[in-house]
Amino acid sequence: MATWFLIIIYLAFISLGIPDSLLGSAWPVMWPELGASFGSAGILSMVVAAGTIVSSLASGTVIQKWGTGKVTLISCCLTAGALLGFSFAPSLVWLVILAIPLGLGAGAVDAALNNYVAEHYKA
């Protein structure tokens, strides 16, 4: 059971990196339709990175209060909801707003899973 759980955690880590690379490959198609500049992708990346940093810094308190399972569930829902919102966003403003929960969710789930593996598995 522990091996399967570790495999699921590894898959979660892999899925954490997918939104970052998808923005880079999708942006050349997205920006003309949104009426944004090509460089606006940098703004989105910075907002996601800021959310990741904030949630990573707060993760110790949040994990201690709610536990790894709840933090992971909420974070995955935030990330999935933000990605779904990205697909329907009509403008750059909406993408920036949705980048906030995307970053918060990504940072929290990363910290929660790292914490869990560090506490329950050997090097």
Protein backbone atom coordinates (compact mmCIF):
# COMPACT_ATOMS: atom_id res chain seq x y z
CA MET A 1 0.00 0.00 0.00
CA ALA A 2 2.83 2.39 0.84
CA THR A 3 4.36 1.88 -2.61
CA TRP A 4 1.11 2.68 -4.41
CA PHE A 5 0.63 5.76 -2.27
CA LEU A 6 4.14 6.93 -3.12
CA ILE A 7 3.42 6.39 -6.83
CA ILE A 8 0.29 8.57 -6.51
CA ILE A 9 2.36 11.26 -4.79
CA TYR A 10 4.94 11.14 -7.60
CA LEU A 11 2.16 11.51 -10.17
CA ALA A 12 0.85 14.51 -8.23
CA PHE A 13 4.30 16.10 -8.37
CA ILE A 14 4.45 15.55 -12.11
CA SER A 15 1.01 17.12 -12.54
CA LEU A 16 2.17 20.18 -10.58
CA GLY A 17 4.51 21.15 -13.40
CA ILE A 18 2.03 20.76 -16.24
CA PRO A 19 0.29 24.18 -15.92
CA ASP A 20 3.62 26.02 -16.08
CA SER A 21 4.69 24.39 -19.31
CA LEU A 22 1.23 24.59 -20.85
CA LEU A 23 1.11 28.35 -20.51
CA GLY A 24 4.35 28.63 -22.45
CA SER A 25 3.12 26.46 -25.28
CA ALA A 26 -0.45 27.82 -25.39
CA TRP A 27 0.33 31.52 -25.03
CA PRO A 28 1.28 32.11 -28.70
CA VAL A 29 -2.26 31.03 -29.63
CA MET A 30 -3.99 32.71 -26.68
CA TRP A 31 -2.61 36.26 -26.67
CA PRO A 32 -4.01 37.45 -30.02
CA GLU A 33 -7.49 36.20 -29.13
CA LEU A 34 -7.36 37.94 -25.74
CA GLY A 35 -6.04 41.19 -27.17
CA ALA A 36 -3.06 41.01 -24.83
CA SER A 37 0.61 41.55 -25.57
CA PHE A 38 2.99 38.67 -26.06
CA GLY A 39 4.87 39.67 -22.90
CA SER A 40 1.75 39.44 -20.74
CA ALA A 41 2.57 35.80 -20.12
CA GLY A 42 5.30 37.08 -17.81
CA ILE A 43 2.69 38.80 -15.67
CA LEU A 44 0.74 35.56 -15.37
CA SER A 45 3.88 33.64 -14.48
CA MET A 46 4.80 36.19 -11.79
CA VAL A 47 1.33 36.06 -10.23
CA VAL A 48 1.44 32.24 -10.15
CA ALA A 49 4.95 32.34 -8.66
CA ALA A 50 3.88 34.87 -6.01
CA GLY A 51 0.93 32.68 -5.02
CA THR A 52 3.20 29.65 -4.82
CA ILE A 53 5.62 31.51 -2.56
CA VAL A 54 2.88 32.82 -0.27
CA SER A 55 1.23 29.42 0.13
CA SER A 56 4.57 27.68 0.63
CA LEU A 57 5.48 30.10 3.42
CA ALA A 58 2.11 29.61 5.11
CA SER A 59 2.05 25.85 4.56
CA GLY A 60 3.47 24.87 7.93
CA THR A 61 0.66 26.56 9.82
CA VAL A 62 -2.02 25.42 7.38
CA ILE A 63 -0.87 21.78 7.35
CA GLN A 64 -0.65 21.71 11.14
CA LYS A 65 -4.18 23.13 11.42
CA TRP A 66 -5.98 21.10 8.71
CA GLY A 67 -3.72 18.14 7.97
CA THR A 68 -2.06 16.98 4.80
CA GLY A 69 -5.14 15.32 3.31
CA LYS A 70 -7.41 18.35 3.53
CA VAL A 71 -4.70 20.73 2.35
CA THR A 72 -3.98 18.50 -0.64
CA LEU A 73 -7.67 18.17 -1.51
CA ILE A 74 -8.35 21.90 -1.25
CA SER A 75 -5.18 22.72 -3.17
CA CYS A 76 -6.03 20.33 -5.98
CA CYS A 77 -9.52 21.82 -6.20
CA LEU A 78 -8.08 25.34 -6.33
CA THR A 79 -5.63 24.34 -9.05
CA ALA A 80 -8.19 22.42 -11.10
CA GLY A 81 -10.75 25.20 -10.79
CA ALA A 82 -8.22 27.81 -11.86
CA LEU A 83 -7.18 25.73 -14.87
CA LEU A 84 -10.81 25.24 -15.84
CA GLY A 85 -11.30 28.98 -15.50
CA PHE A 86 -8.28 29.58 -17.75
CA SER A 87 -10.03 27.67 -20.52
CA PHE A 88 -13.08 29.98 -20.33
CA ALA A 89 -11.36 33.28 -19.48
CA PRO A 90 -12.46 36.05 -21.83
CA SER A 91 -9.63 38.48 -21.06
CA LEU A 92 -6.19 38.90 -19.55
CA VAL A 93 -7.73 40.36 -16.39
CA TRP A 94 -9.55 37.08 -15.74
CA LEU A 95 -6.37 35.12 -16.37
CA VAL A 96 -4.53 37.22 -13.78
CA ILE A 97 -7.35 36.72 -11.27
CA LEU A 98 -7.34 32.97 -11.90
CA ALA A 99 -3.56 32.84 -11.62
CA ILE A 100 -3.91 33.63 -7.90
CA PRO A 101 -5.67 30.39 -6.88
CA LEU A 102 -3.49 28.49 -9.36
CA GLY A 103 -0.36 29.65 -7.56
CA LEU A 104 -1.82 29.24 -4.08
CA GLY A 105 -2.97 25.70 -4.85
CA ALA A 106 0.28 24.65 -6.48
CA GLY A 107 2.43 25.90 -3.61
CA ALA A 108 0.28 24.37 -0.90
CA VAL A 109 -0.01 20.92 -2.46
CA ASP A 110 3.72 20.88 -3.17
CA ALA A 111 4.58 21.73 0.43
CA ALA A 112 1.96 19.34 1.85
CA LEU A 113 3.18 16.37 -0.19
CA ASN A 114 6.83 17.15 0.54
CA ASN A 115 6.02 17.30 4.23
CA TYR A 116 4.12 14.01 4.11
CA VAL A 117 6.88 12.15 2.28
CA ALA A 118 9.54 13.56 4.60
CA GLU A 119 7.63 12.42 7.69
CA HIS A 120 6.51 8.97 6.47
CA TYR A 121 9.22 7.64 4.14
CA LYS A 122 12.95 7.02 4.41
CA ALA A 123 15.43 8.69 2.08
